[in-house]
């Protein structure tokens, strides 16, 4: 079953197409990476998926339902969580309260249920020993992990991670890879990533964008061996950013 699909998804800015007729599918329970060279249209595409950028034309489907008309907060309520390229934690609040704020978006949960959910997620991502530390005092890498915790506590069915390893030290990247692999398909993950080592170590499937269109899609090995991908992306750089 595909949890997320797009049909002919297109975005134009002043007559210039950032994305053109993208037909995309993400199978439930998978970890998929979205890659592509600089200017490939990755950020625009993900903006349309999350509802932050309105599409010029085309459709977005989540669990078979057309959500093209829904704003970002309505998509979050349906089970889509999204983390930004730039950290968006509340630096003057501690780690636990940052995660609790995200958990309280589900207004059906009592404070006891929120506290239980927060504790579980912090343990899951390895931040239990830092729960009383101010978010602003965390290392950049731990702030990125905190963002993931804020996404996971909402119990999303789809977690979109936009350039999560950008700016991380090598040791922090290794911890991130272990975290993603430890999630084991719960939730489904769409990873927009510039670090090809991270992609190859975490993704089950890869989709490649180039000039706003899908160039290739397949397993990591299939994408790595694709001549068109080698020419457009892998053959020129393994560390291009969106």
Protein backbone atom coordinates (compact mmCIF):
# COMPACT_ATOMS: atom_id res chain seq x y z
CA UNK A 1 0.00 0.00 0.00
CA UNK A 2 1.28 3.47 -0.89
CA UNK A 3 0.94 5.89 2.00
CA UNK A 4 1.83 8.91 -0.15
CA UNK A 5 1.34 9.58 -3.86
CA UNK A 6 1.49 12.54 -6.20
CA UNK A 7 0.00 12.81 -9.67
CA UNK A 8 1.32 15.32 -12.19
CA UNK A 9 2.41 17.58 -9.33
CA UNK A 10 3.69 20.87 -10.74
CA UNK A 11 4.90 24.14 -9.29
CA UNK A 12 5.67 27.28 -11.28
CA UNK A 13 7.20 30.50 -10.01
CA UNK A 14 6.59 33.36 -12.40
CA UNK A 15 6.42 31.04 -15.37
CA UNK A 16 9.50 29.04 -14.35
CA UNK A 17 8.69 25.45 -13.40
CA UNK A 18 10.42 24.22 -10.25
CA UNK A 19 8.64 20.85 -10.50
CA UNK A 20 6.96 19.39 -13.55
CA UNK A 21 4.34 16.61 -13.65
CA UNK A 22 5.81 14.56 -10.81
CA UNK A 23 4.25 11.12 -10.33
CA UNK A 24 5.63 9.84 -7.05
CA UNK A 25 4.78 6.96 -4.71
CA UNK A 26 6.02 6.02 -1.24
CA UNK A 27 5.13 2.61 0.14
CA UNK A 28 3.93 2.42 3.72
CA UNK A 29 6.59 1.32 6.20
CA UNK A 30 9.51 2.19 3.94
CA UNK A 31 12.36 4.62 4.37
CA UNK A 32 12.82 6.50 1.10
CA UNK A 33 15.48 9.08 0.30
CA UNK A 34 14.87 11.97 -2.08
CA UNK A 35 18.11 13.16 -3.65
CA UNK A 36 19.25 15.37 -6.49
CA UNK A 37 21.79 18.02 -7.45
CA UNK A 38 21.59 21.65 -6.42
CA UNK A 39 18.44 23.27 -7.85
CA UNK A 40 16.75 19.95 -8.60
CA UNK A 41 13.50 21.06 -6.95
CA UNK A 42 13.62 18.87 -3.83
CA UNK A 43 12.67 21.56 -1.33
CA UNK A 44 9.80 22.81 -3.50
CA UNK A 45 8.47 19.28 -3.93
CA UNK A 46 8.59 18.59 -0.20
CA UNK A 47 6.94 21.95 0.47
CA UNK A 48 4.02 20.84 -1.67
CA UNK A 49 3.83 17.48 0.12
CA UNK A 50 3.71 19.14 3.54
CA UNK A 51 1.27 21.86 2.50
CA UNK A 52 3.70 24.72 3.04
CA UNK A 53 3.80 25.51 -0.69
CA UNK A 54 0.63 25.41 -2.82
CA UNK A 55 0.90 23.40 -6.00
CA UNK A 56 0.25 25.09 -9.34
CA UNK A 57 -1.41 21.90 -10.57
CA UNK A 58 -1.57 18.20 -9.80
CA UNK A 59 -2.61 16.25 -6.72
CA UNK A 60 -1.21 14.91 -3.45
CA UNK A 61 -2.74 11.78 -1.91
CA UNK A 62 -2.22 10.52 1.65
CA UNK A 63 -3.52 7.03 2.38
CA UNK A 64 -5.62 7.26 -0.78
CA UNK A 65 -7.24 10.57 0.17
CA UNK A 66 -6.73 13.69 -1.92
CA UNK A 67 -5.17 16.24 0.45
CA UNK A 68 -4.13 18.74 -2.23
CA UNK A 69 -6.42 21.45 -0.84
CA UNK A 70 -5.43 21.02 2.82
CA UNK A 71 -3.10 23.48 4.61
CA UNK A 72 -0.06 22.25 6.53
CA UNK A 73 -1.73 22.05 9.95
CA UNK A 74 -4.53 19.86 8.56
CA UNK A 75 -1.99 17.50 7.03
CA UNK A 76 -0.22 17.27 10.39
CA UNK A 77 -3.53 16.28 11.98
CA UNK A 78 -3.89 13.48 9.43
CA UNK A 79 -0.54 11.99 10.41
CA UNK A 80 2.21 13.82 8.50
CA UNK A 81 5.08 15.29 10.53
CA UNK A 82 7.76 17.50 8.97
CA UNK A 83 11.11 18.78 10.22
CA UNK A 84 12.80 21.79 8.66
CA UNK A 85 16.30 22.25 7.22
CA UNK A 86 16.91 24.84 9.95
CA UNK A 87 16.28 23.82 13.55
CA UNK A 88 12.98 25.09 14.89
CA UNK A 89 13.14 24.16 18.58
CA UNK A 90 12.16 26.55 21.38
CA UNK A 91 15.57 27.42 22.77
CA UNK A 92 14.27 28.92 26.03
CA UNK A 93 12.33 25.77 26.96
CA UNK A 94 13.78 22.51 28.17
CA UNK A 95 13.87 19.36 26.08
CA UNK A 96 10.88 17.75 27.76
CA UNK A 97 8.65 20.82 27.31
CA UNK A 98 9.62 21.14 23.63
CA UNK A 99 8.42 17.60 23.03
CA UNK A 100 5.36 18.08 25.24
CA UNK A 101 4.28 21.11 23.21
CA UNK A 102 4.34 18.98 20.07
CA UNK A 103 2.43 16.20 21.84
CA UNK A 104 -0.31 18.61 22.96
CA UNK A 105 -1.29 19.17 19.35
CA UNK A 106 -3.40 16.08 19.96
CA UNK A 107 -5.97 17.70 22.24
CA UNK A 108 -7.62 14.37 23.04
CA UNK A 109 -4.68 13.37 25.25
CA UNK A 110 -4.64 14.06 29.00
CA UNK A 111 -1.57 15.54 30.68
CA UNK A 112 -0.70 12.09 32.06
CA UNK A 113 -0.90 10.61 28.58
CA UNK A 114 1.23 13.44 27.19
CA UNK A 115 3.85 12.90 29.89
CA UNK A 116 3.95 9.17 29.19
CA UNK A 117 4.25 9.71 25.45
CA UNK A 118 7.02 12.31 25.89
CA UNK A 119 9.04 10.04 28.17
CA UNK A 120 8.74 7.17 25.71
CA UNK A 121 9.88 9.22 22.73
CA UNK A 122 12.81 10.77 24.60
CA UNK A 123 13.97 7.29 25.53
CA UNK A 124 13.53 6.16 21.94
CA UNK A 125 15.81 8.91 20.56
CA UNK A 126 18.32 8.83 23.41
CA UNK A 127 17.53 12.17 25.04
CA UNK A 128 16.15 10.99 28.38
CA UNK A 129 19.24 12.14 30.24
CA UNK A 130 18.87 15.64 28.75
CA UNK A 131 15.14 16.16 29.29
CA UNK A 132 15.63 19.02 31.77
CA UNK A 133 18.30 20.78 29.71
CA UNK A 134 17.35 23.95 27.84
CA UNK A 135 17.06 23.25 24.14
CA UNK A 136 19.23 26.26 23.37
CA UNK A 137 22.06 24.67 25.33
CA UNK A 138 22.08 21.47 23.28
CA UNK A 139 24.65 20.83 20.59
CA UNK A 140 23.41 21.38 17.05
CA UNK A 141 23.25 17.63 16.54
CA UNK A 142 21.14 17.07 19.63
CA UNK A 143 18.83 19.89 18.54
CA UNK A 144 18.23 18.00 15.30
CA UNK A 145 17.47 14.85 17.29
CA UNK A 146 15.09 16.90 19.45
CA UNK A 147 13.28 18.00 16.31
CA UNK A 148 12.85 14.36 15.33
CA UNK A 149 11.48 13.63 18.81
CA UNK A 150 9.00 16.48 18.38
CA UNK A 151 7.87 14.84 15.16
CA UNK A 152 7.70 11.31 16.58
CA UNK A 153 5.70 12.29 19.67
CA UNK A 154 2.83 13.23 17.37
CA UNK A 155 2.75 9.54 16.39
CA UNK A 156 2.81 10.33 12.68
CA UNK A 157 2.31 7.75 10.01
CA UNK A 158 4.70 9.68 7.75
CA UNK A 159 7.79 11.57 8.95
CA UNK A 160 9.44 13.93 6.45
CA UNK A 161 13.02 14.87 7.34
CA UNK A 162 14.47 17.76 5.34
CA UNK A 163 18.31 17.74 5.29
CA UNK A 164 18.55 16.37 8.86
CA UNK A 165 22.34 15.84 8.82
CA UNK A 166 23.21 19.27 7.47
CA UNK A 167 25.81 20.83 9.77
CA UNK A 168 26.33 17.69 11.87
CA UNK A 169 29.71 16.40 12.97
CA UNK A 170 30.73 12.95 11.74
CA UNK A 171 29.97 11.33 15.10
CA UNK A 172 26.54 12.97 15.14
CA UNK A 173 25.85 11.69 11.62
CA UNK A 174 26.61 8.15 12.79
CA UNK A 175 24.19 8.57 15.70
CA UNK A 176 21.53 9.86 13.29
CA UNK A 177 21.95 6.83 11.01
CA UNK A 178 21.56 4.50 13.99
CA UNK A 179 18.44 6.39 15.09
CA UNK A 180 16.76 6.17 11.68
CA UNK A 181 17.61 2.50 11.25
CA UNK A 182 16.28 1.84 14.74
CA UNK A 183 12.84 3.17 13.86
CA UNK A 184 12.27 0.03 11.75
CA UNK A 185 9.50 1.28 9.50
CA UNK A 186 7.52 2.97 12.27
CA UNK A 187 6.76 5.54 10.93
CA UNK A 188 7.24 5.65 7.17
CA UNK A 189 10.11 8.06 6.47
CA UNK A 190 10.85 10.37 3.56
CA UNK A 191 14.42 11.59 3.90
CA UNK A 192 15.64 14.56 1.86
CA UNK A 193 19.37 14.24 2.16
CA UNK A 194 22.59 15.50 0.55
CA UNK A 195 24.95 13.05 2.27
CA UNK A 196 25.09 9.99 0.03
CA UNK A 197 26.73 7.87 2.70
CA UNK A 198 23.72 8.51 4.94
CA UNK A 199 21.36 7.74 2.07
CA UNK A 200 23.01 4.43 1.26
CA UNK A 201 23.05 3.40 4.93
CA UNK A 202 19.41 4.23 5.71
CA UNK A 203 17.19 4.22 2.61
CA UNK A 204 15.40 1.18 1.25
CA UNK A 205 14.36 3.11 -1.86
CA UNK A 206 15.67 6.27 -3.53
CA UNK A 207 14.01 8.78 -5.85
CA UNK A 208 16.24 11.17 -7.80
CA UNK A 209 15.05 14.60 -8.92
CA UNK A 210 16.79 16.55 -11.66
CA UNK A 211 15.60 19.82 -13.22
CA UNK A 212 12.33 19.47 -11.32
CA UNK A 213 11.47 16.04 -12.71
CA UNK A 214 11.98 12.45 -11.53
CA UNK A 215 15.13 11.12 -13.15
CA UNK A 216 15.15 7.67 -11.54
CA UNK A 217 13.67 5.62 -8.72
CA UNK A 218 14.69 2.28 -7.27
CA UNK A 219 16.78 0.52 -4.67
CA UNK A 220 20.06 2.12 -3.60
CA UNK A 221 22.00 -0.25 -5.82
CA UNK A 222 19.75 0.36 -8.83
CA UNK A 223 20.07 4.12 -8.42
CA UNK A 224 23.83 3.92 -7.87
CA UNK A 225 24.23 1.89 -11.08
CA UNK A 226 21.93 4.11 -13.17
CA UNK A 227 23.97 5.81 -15.90
CA UNK A 228 21.70 8.85 -16.06
CA UNK A 229 22.01 9.37 -12.31
CA UNK A 230 25.78 8.98 -12.51
CA UNK A 231 25.95 11.66 -15.17
CA UNK A 232 23.56 14.10 -13.47
CA UNK A 233 24.47 13.64 -9.84
CA UNK A 234 26.63 10.85 -8.50
CA UNK A 235 29.33 11.25 -11.10
CA UNK A 236 29.87 14.93 -10.29
CA UNK A 237 29.38 15.07 -6.53
CA UNK A 238 28.21 12.95 -3.62
CA UNK A 239 27.54 15.90 -1.38
CA UNK A 240 25.31 18.31 -3.30
CA UNK A 241 22.67 20.20 -1.34
CA UNK A 242 19.16 21.20 -2.33
